[in-house]
Amino acid sequence: MQTIPDDLRYSKEHEWVRADGDLVTIGITHFAQDQLGDVVFVELPEKGASVRQHASLGVVESVKAASDVYAPVSGEVVERNLKVIESPELVNSSPYGDGWLVKVRMSDGDEMGALLDAAAYGEHVGASAQ
């Protein structure tokens, strides 16, 4: 079983969030990239785009499937990871590091409360993996 970082929050759709005040970094979890297989293409919103919690914010395509990435929080995209657009395999090799997707300035910090902590996400994927 992969390690699930304790310092992040998670969505049931397998996105992770690292908060620094009202600025959050968003990516997909190790579980999600493992399920997808080799990632070959990443489509992300432009800087300045608005994202809404639970709405699609981009697409990750692998050799097996294309999957929407859902915004775990609402806000404005302040940065997108150009490295991951140029080298999509970073999503596989470093999902919690260099493979992050976007940085968003949250419009509603209360939305973080709806996300799972590491233990709850571990239970969620444990149930999904069976």
N, C-alpha and C. Protein backbone atom coordinates (compact mmCIF):
# COMPACT_ATOMS: atom_id res chain seq x y z
N MET A 1 0.85 -1.19 0.00
CA MET A 1 0.00 0.00 0.00
C MET A 1 0.89 1.25 0.00
N GLN A 2 0.56 2.20 -0.81
CA GLN A 2 1.35 3.44 -0.89
C GLN A 2 1.15 4.31 0.34
N THR A 3 2.12 5.17 0.56
CA THR A 3 2.02 6.12 1.66
C THR A 3 1.06 7.24 1.28
N ILE A 4 0.22 7.65 2.21
CA ILE A 4 -0.69 8.77 2.00
C ILE A 4 -0.21 9.90 2.91
N PRO A 5 0.34 10.97 2.33
CA PRO A 5 0.89 12.06 3.16
C PRO A 5 -0.14 12.63 4.13
N ASP A 6 0.30 12.81 5.38
CA ASP A 6 -0.57 13.31 6.46
C ASP A 6 -0.87 14.79 6.36
N ASP A 7 -0.02 15.54 5.63
CA ASP A 7 -0.17 17.01 5.63
C ASP A 7 -1.10 17.51 4.54
N LEU A 8 -1.76 16.61 3.84
CA LEU A 8 -2.65 16.98 2.74
C LEU A 8 -4.10 16.67 3.10
N ARG A 9 -5.02 17.25 2.33
CA ARG A 9 -6.44 16.90 2.39
C ARG A 9 -6.78 16.25 1.05
N TYR A 10 -7.84 15.44 1.04
CA TYR A 10 -8.15 14.62 -0.13
C TYR A 10 -9.63 14.69 -0.49
N SER A 11 -9.91 14.55 -1.80
CA SER A 11 -11.30 14.44 -2.24
C SER A 11 -11.58 12.96 -2.49
N LYS A 12 -12.85 12.61 -2.50
CA LYS A 12 -13.24 11.23 -2.81
C LYS A 12 -12.96 10.89 -4.27
N GLU A 13 -12.74 11.93 -5.10
CA GLU A 13 -12.43 11.71 -6.52
C GLU A 13 -10.92 11.59 -6.74
N HIS A 14 -10.15 11.52 -5.65
CA HIS A 14 -8.70 11.23 -5.68
C HIS A 14 -7.82 12.42 -6.06
N GLU A 15 -8.26 13.63 -5.69
CA GLU A 15 -7.38 14.79 -5.79
C GLU A 15 -6.83 15.08 -4.39
N TRP A 16 -5.65 15.66 -4.34
CA TRP A 16 -5.09 16.11 -3.06
C TRP A 16 -4.96 17.63 -3.06
N VAL A 17 -4.93 18.20 -1.85
CA VAL A 17 -4.82 19.64 -1.67
C VAL A 17 -3.79 19.92 -0.58
N ARG A 18 -2.84 20.79 -0.90
CA ARG A 18 -1.88 21.29 0.09
C ARG A 18 -2.17 22.77 0.28
N ALA A 19 -2.57 23.16 1.48
CA ALA A 19 -2.96 24.55 1.74
C ALA A 19 -1.82 25.35 2.34
N ASP A 20 -1.70 26.59 1.88
CA ASP A 20 -0.79 27.57 2.45
C ASP A 20 -1.59 28.87 2.52
N GLY A 21 -2.30 29.06 3.64
CA GLY A 21 -3.24 30.17 3.73
C GLY A 21 -4.39 29.92 2.77
N ASP A 22 -4.72 30.93 1.94
CA ASP A 22 -5.81 30.74 0.98
C ASP A 22 -5.31 30.25 -0.38
N LEU A 23 -4.01 29.96 -0.47
CA LEU A 23 -3.43 29.42 -1.69
C LEU A 23 -3.28 27.91 -1.54
N VAL A 24 -3.82 27.16 -2.48
CA VAL A 24 -3.72 25.71 -2.41
C VAL A 24 -3.09 25.16 -3.67
N THR A 25 -2.32 24.09 -3.49
CA THR A 25 -1.76 23.33 -4.60
C THR A 25 -2.61 22.08 -4.73
N ILE A 26 -2.96 21.72 -5.97
CA ILE A 26 -3.84 20.58 -6.23
C ILE A 26 -3.14 19.60 -7.17
N GLY A 27 -3.30 18.33 -6.88
CA GLY A 27 -2.78 17.28 -7.76
C GLY A 27 -3.67 16.06 -7.64
N ILE A 28 -3.27 14.97 -8.32
CA ILE A 28 -4.01 13.72 -8.15
C ILE A 28 -3.17 12.78 -7.30
N THR A 29 -3.84 11.91 -6.59
CA THR A 29 -3.16 11.04 -5.63
C THR A 29 -2.39 9.91 -6.31
N HIS A 30 -1.53 9.29 -5.51
CA HIS A 30 -0.80 8.11 -5.97
C HIS A 30 -1.79 7.03 -6.43
N PHE A 31 -2.86 6.84 -5.67
CA PHE A 31 -3.87 5.85 -6.02
C PHE A 31 -4.44 6.14 -7.41
N ALA A 32 -4.77 7.41 -7.67
CA ALA A 32 -5.36 7.79 -8.96
C ALA A 32 -4.40 7.55 -10.11
N GLN A 33 -3.13 7.97 -9.96
CA GLN A 33 -2.19 7.79 -11.06
C GLN A 33 -1.91 6.31 -11.28
N ASP A 34 -1.93 5.53 -10.20
CA ASP A 34 -1.72 4.08 -10.31
C ASP A 34 -2.87 3.42 -11.08
N GLN A 35 -4.09 3.86 -10.82
CA GLN A 35 -5.26 3.33 -11.52
C GLN A 35 -5.24 3.72 -13.00
N LEU A 36 -4.77 4.94 -13.29
CA LEU A 36 -4.73 5.42 -14.68
C LEU A 36 -3.66 4.71 -15.50
N GLY A 37 -2.53 4.42 -14.91
CA GLY A 37 -1.40 3.89 -15.66
C GLY A 37 -0.56 5.04 -16.19
N ASP A 38 0.22 4.78 -17.23
CA ASP A 38 1.16 5.77 -17.75
C ASP A 38 0.44 7.00 -18.31
N VAL A 39 0.65 8.13 -17.65
CA VAL A 39 0.03 9.39 -18.08
C VAL A 39 0.78 9.94 -19.28
N VAL A 40 0.02 10.28 -20.34
CA VAL A 40 0.64 10.75 -21.58
C VAL A 40 0.23 12.18 -21.96
N PHE A 41 -0.80 12.73 -21.29
CA PHE A 41 -1.27 14.07 -21.64
C PHE A 41 -2.00 14.67 -20.45
N VAL A 42 -1.76 15.96 -20.21
CA VAL A 42 -2.44 16.68 -19.13
C VAL A 42 -2.97 17.98 -19.71
N GLU A 43 -4.26 18.24 -19.49
CA GLU A 43 -4.89 19.49 -19.92
C GLU A 43 -5.31 20.24 -18.66
N LEU A 44 -4.82 21.49 -18.53
CA LEU A 44 -5.09 22.28 -17.33
C LEU A 44 -5.68 23.63 -17.71
N PRO A 45 -6.43 24.25 -16.80
CA PRO A 45 -7.01 25.57 -17.08
C PRO A 45 -5.92 26.64 -17.13
N GLU A 46 -6.23 27.73 -17.84
CA GLU A 46 -5.31 28.86 -17.94
C GLU A 46 -5.26 29.61 -16.62
N LYS A 47 -4.16 30.29 -16.38
CA LYS A 47 -4.04 31.18 -15.23
C LYS A 47 -5.17 32.20 -15.31
N GLY A 48 -5.82 32.48 -14.19
CA GLY A 48 -6.93 33.43 -14.16
C GLY A 48 -8.29 32.77 -14.29
N ALA A 49 -8.32 31.50 -14.68
CA ALA A 49 -9.60 30.79 -14.82
C ALA A 49 -10.22 30.56 -13.44
N SER A 50 -11.54 30.58 -13.39
CA SER A 50 -12.26 30.27 -12.16
C SER A 50 -12.58 28.78 -12.15
N VAL A 51 -12.42 28.16 -10.99
CA VAL A 51 -12.81 26.76 -10.83
C VAL A 51 -13.83 26.68 -9.70
N ARG A 52 -14.74 25.73 -9.83
CA ARG A 52 -15.81 25.53 -8.86
C ARG A 52 -15.65 24.17 -8.21
N GLN A 53 -15.82 24.11 -6.91
CA GLN A 53 -15.70 22.84 -6.20
C GLN A 53 -16.57 21.78 -6.86
N HIS A 54 -16.01 20.62 -7.06
CA HIS A 54 -16.65 19.43 -7.66
C HIS A 54 -16.80 19.51 -9.18
N ALA A 55 -16.44 20.63 -9.80
CA ALA A 55 -16.52 20.75 -11.26
C ALA A 55 -15.17 20.36 -11.86
N SER A 56 -15.18 19.92 -13.11
CA SER A 56 -13.94 19.53 -13.77
C SER A 56 -13.01 20.73 -13.92
N LEU A 57 -11.73 20.53 -13.59
CA LEU A 57 -10.76 21.60 -13.80
C LEU A 57 -9.72 21.23 -14.85
N GLY A 58 -9.77 20.00 -15.32
CA GLY A 58 -8.81 19.57 -16.34
C GLY A 58 -8.99 18.10 -16.64
N VAL A 59 -8.07 17.59 -17.46
CA VAL A 59 -8.13 16.19 -17.88
C VAL A 59 -6.73 15.61 -17.80
N VAL A 60 -6.65 14.37 -17.32
CA VAL A 60 -5.42 13.61 -17.33
C VAL A 60 -5.69 12.39 -18.20
N GLU A 61 -4.87 12.22 -19.25
CA GLU A 61 -5.04 11.07 -20.14
C GLU A 61 -3.86 10.12 -19.96
N SER A 62 -4.21 8.84 -19.93
CA SER A 62 -3.18 7.80 -19.85
C SER A 62 -3.31 6.91 -21.06
N VAL A 63 -2.45 5.91 -21.14
CA VAL A 63 -2.55 4.96 -22.25
C VAL A 63 -3.84 4.15 -22.14
N LYS A 64 -4.44 4.10 -20.93
CA LYS A 64 -5.65 3.32 -20.70
C LYS A 64 -6.94 4.13 -20.81
N ALA A 65 -6.90 5.39 -20.35
CA ALA A 65 -8.16 6.15 -20.23
C ALA A 65 -7.89 7.64 -20.09
N ALA A 66 -8.95 8.41 -20.30
CA ALA A 66 -8.91 9.85 -20.00
C ALA A 66 -9.80 10.05 -18.78
N SER A 67 -9.35 10.87 -17.86
CA SER A 67 -10.09 11.08 -16.63
C SER A 67 -10.14 12.56 -16.30
N ASP A 68 -11.34 13.04 -15.94
CA ASP A 68 -11.46 14.42 -15.48
C ASP A 68 -10.79 14.56 -14.13
N VAL A 69 -10.22 15.73 -13.90
CA VAL A 69 -9.72 16.11 -12.58
C VAL A 69 -10.73 17.12 -12.05
N TYR A 70 -11.20 16.88 -10.83
CA TYR A 70 -12.23 17.73 -10.25
C TYR A 70 -11.63 18.67 -9.22
N ALA A 71 -12.12 19.90 -9.20
CA ALA A 71 -11.64 20.89 -8.25
C ALA A 71 -12.12 20.54 -6.85
N PRO A 72 -11.20 20.31 -5.91
CA PRO A 72 -11.61 20.04 -4.54
C PRO A 72 -12.10 21.29 -3.82
N VAL A 73 -11.72 22.47 -4.33
CA VAL A 73 -12.15 23.75 -3.76
C VAL A 73 -12.42 24.73 -4.90
N SER A 74 -13.18 25.77 -4.60
CA SER A 74 -13.47 26.82 -5.57
C SER A 74 -12.43 27.93 -5.47
N GLY A 75 -12.19 28.60 -6.60
CA GLY A 75 -11.29 29.75 -6.57
C GLY A 75 -10.77 30.10 -7.95
N GLU A 76 -9.65 30.83 -7.95
CA GLU A 76 -9.04 31.29 -9.20
C GLU A 76 -7.69 30.62 -9.39
N VAL A 77 -7.45 30.11 -10.58
CA VAL A 77 -6.16 29.49 -10.90
C VAL A 77 -5.11 30.60 -10.95
N VAL A 78 -4.08 30.48 -10.10
CA VAL A 78 -3.01 31.48 -10.10
C VAL A 78 -1.74 30.94 -10.75
N GLU A 79 -1.67 29.62 -10.91
CA GLU A 79 -0.52 29.02 -11.59
C GLU A 79 -0.90 27.63 -12.06
N ARG A 80 -0.39 27.26 -13.21
CA ARG A 80 -0.53 25.88 -13.65
C ARG A 80 0.86 25.32 -13.86
N ASN A 81 1.02 24.04 -13.66
CA ASN A 81 2.33 23.42 -13.71
C ASN A 81 2.71 23.14 -15.17
N LEU A 82 3.51 24.03 -15.73
CA LEU A 82 3.93 23.88 -17.12
C LEU A 82 4.81 22.65 -17.31
N LYS A 83 5.56 22.30 -16.26
CA LYS A 83 6.43 21.11 -16.35
C LYS A 83 5.61 19.85 -16.60
N VAL A 84 4.44 19.76 -15.95
CA VAL A 84 3.63 18.55 -16.07
C VAL A 84 2.91 18.51 -17.43
N ILE A 85 2.68 19.68 -18.02
CA ILE A 85 2.11 19.71 -19.37
C ILE A 85 3.15 19.21 -20.37
N GLU A 86 4.40 19.64 -20.19
CA GLU A 86 5.49 19.21 -21.08
C GLU A 86 5.93 17.78 -20.81
N SER A 87 5.87 17.34 -19.55
CA SER A 87 6.32 16.00 -19.15
C SER A 87 5.25 15.34 -18.28
N PRO A 88 4.15 14.86 -18.91
CA PRO A 88 3.02 14.32 -18.15
C PRO A 88 3.39 13.16 -17.23
N GLU A 89 4.48 12.47 -17.54
CA GLU A 89 4.89 11.32 -16.72
C GLU A 89 5.24 11.72 -15.28
N LEU A 90 5.44 13.03 -15.03
CA LEU A 90 5.67 13.50 -13.66
C LEU A 90 4.50 13.17 -12.75
N VAL A 91 3.29 13.10 -13.32
CA VAL A 91 2.11 12.73 -12.52
C VAL A 91 2.31 11.32 -11.96
N ASN A 92 2.94 10.43 -12.73
CA ASN A 92 3.20 9.07 -12.26
C ASN A 92 4.39 9.02 -11.31
N SER A 93 5.47 9.68 -11.66
CA SER A 93 6.72 9.53 -10.89
C SER A 93 6.73 10.34 -9.60
N SER A 94 5.95 11.43 -9.55
CA SER A 94 5.98 12.31 -8.38
C SER A 94 4.62 12.97 -8.15
N PRO A 95 3.57 12.16 -7.87
CA PRO A 95 2.23 12.73 -7.77
C PRO A 95 2.08 13.79 -6.68
N TYR A 96 2.86 13.68 -5.59
CA TYR A 96 2.75 14.64 -4.49
C TYR A 96 3.85 15.71 -4.54
N GLY A 97 4.71 15.63 -5.54
CA GLY A 97 5.81 16.58 -5.67
C GLY A 97 5.75 17.32 -6.99
N ASP A 98 6.68 17.00 -7.89
CA ASP A 98 6.77 17.69 -9.19
C ASP A 98 5.54 17.48 -10.07
N GLY A 99 4.71 16.50 -9.76
CA GLY A 99 3.54 16.20 -10.58
C GLY A 99 2.28 16.95 -10.18
N TRP A 100 2.42 18.00 -9.35
CA TRP A 100 1.23 18.81 -9.01
C TRP A 100 0.64 19.42 -10.28
N LEU A 101 -0.62 19.83 -10.22
CA LEU A 101 -1.30 20.31 -11.42
C LEU A 101 -1.51 21.83 -11.43
N VAL A 102 -2.22 22.36 -10.45
CA VAL A 102 -2.52 23.80 -10.43
C VAL A 102 -2.42 24.34 -9.01
N LYS A 103 -2.24 25.67 -8.94
CA LYS A 103 -2.35 26.39 -7.68
C LYS A 103 -3.55 27.30 -7.80
N VAL A 104 -4.38 27.30 -6.77
CA VAL A 104 -5.65 28.03 -6.78
C VAL A 104 -5.73 28.91 -5.53
N ARG A 105 -6.18 30.16 -5.71
CA ARG A 105 -6.50 31.01 -4.58
C ARG A 105 -7.95 30.74 -4.22
N MET A 106 -8.16 30.12 -3.05
CA MET A 106 -9.50 29.70 -2.64
C MET A 106 -10.42 30.90 -2.43
N SER A 107 -11.65 30.74 -2.86
CA SER A 107 -12.65 31.79 -2.61
C SER A 107 -13.47 31.48 -1.36
N ASP A 108 -13.42 30.22 -0.89
CA ASP A 108 -14.19 29.83 0.30
C ASP A 108 -13.39 28.80 1.09
N GLY A 109 -12.68 29.27 2.11
CA GLY A 109 -11.85 28.38 2.92
C GLY A 109 -12.64 27.30 3.63
N ASP A 110 -13.94 27.50 3.83
CA ASP A 110 -14.76 26.49 4.50
C ASP A 110 -14.84 25.20 3.70
N GLU A 111 -14.60 25.27 2.38
CA GLU A 111 -14.67 24.07 1.54
C GLU A 111 -13.62 23.03 1.94
N MET A 112 -12.53 23.49 2.55
CA MET A 112 -11.49 22.54 2.99
C MET A 112 -12.06 21.56 4.01
N GLY A 113 -13.04 21.99 4.79
CA GLY A 113 -13.64 21.14 5.81
C GLY A 113 -14.36 19.93 5.23
N ALA A 114 -14.74 19.99 3.97
CA ALA A 114 -15.46 18.88 3.34
C ALA A 114 -14.49 17.81 2.83
N LEU A 115 -13.20 18.10 2.85
CA LEU A 115 -12.21 17.16 2.32
C LEU A 115 -11.79 16.15 3.39
N LEU A 116 -11.25 15.04 2.94
CA LEU A 116 -10.86 13.95 3.83
C LEU A 116 -9.44 14.17 4.35
N ASP A 117 -9.18 13.73 5.59
CA ASP A 117 -7.80 13.70 6.06
C ASP A 117 -7.16 12.39 5.56
N ALA A 118 -5.88 12.21 5.84
CA ALA A 118 -5.15 11.05 5.31
C ALA A 118 -5.77 9.73 5.76
N ALA A 119 -6.17 9.64 7.02
CA ALA A 119 -6.75 8.39 7.53
C ALA A 119 -8.06 8.06 6.82
N ALA A 120 -8.92 9.07 6.67
CA ALA A 120 -10.21 8.85 6.00
C ALA A 120 -10.00 8.51 4.53
N TYR A 121 -9.04 9.18 3.88
CA TYR A 121 -8.77 8.86 2.48
C TYR A 121 -8.21 7.44 2.35
N GLY A 122 -7.36 7.06 3.29
CA GLY A 122 -6.83 5.69 3.28
C GLY A 122 -7.94 4.66 3.38
N GLU A 123 -8.92 4.92 4.23
CA GLU A 123 -10.07 4.02 4.32
C GLU A 123 -10.86 4.01 3.01
N HIS A 124 -11.01 5.18 2.41
CA HIS A 124 -11.76 5.32 1.14
C HIS A 124 -11.09 4.49 0.05
N VAL A 125 -9.78 4.62 -0.13
CA VAL A 125 -9.11 3.87 -1.20
C VAL A 125 -8.95 2.41 -0.84
N GLY A 126 -8.88 2.13 0.46
CA GLY A 126 -8.82 0.72 0.88
C GLY A 126 -10.10 0.01 0.46
N ALA A 127 -11.22 0.68 0.62
CA ALA A 127 -12.51 0.12 0.21
C ALA A 127 -12.57 0.04 -1.31
N SER A 128 -12.00 1.04 -2.01
CA SER A 128 -12.02 1.05 -3.48
C SER A 128 -11.12 -0.03 -4.06
N ALA A 129 -10.07 -0.37 -3.33
CA ALA A 129 -9.08 -1.31 -3.86
C ALA A 129 -9.52 -2.76 -3.69
N GLN A 130 -10.56 -2.99 -2.91
CA GLN A 130 -10.99 -4.37 -2.67
C GLN A 130 -11.94 -4.85 -3.73
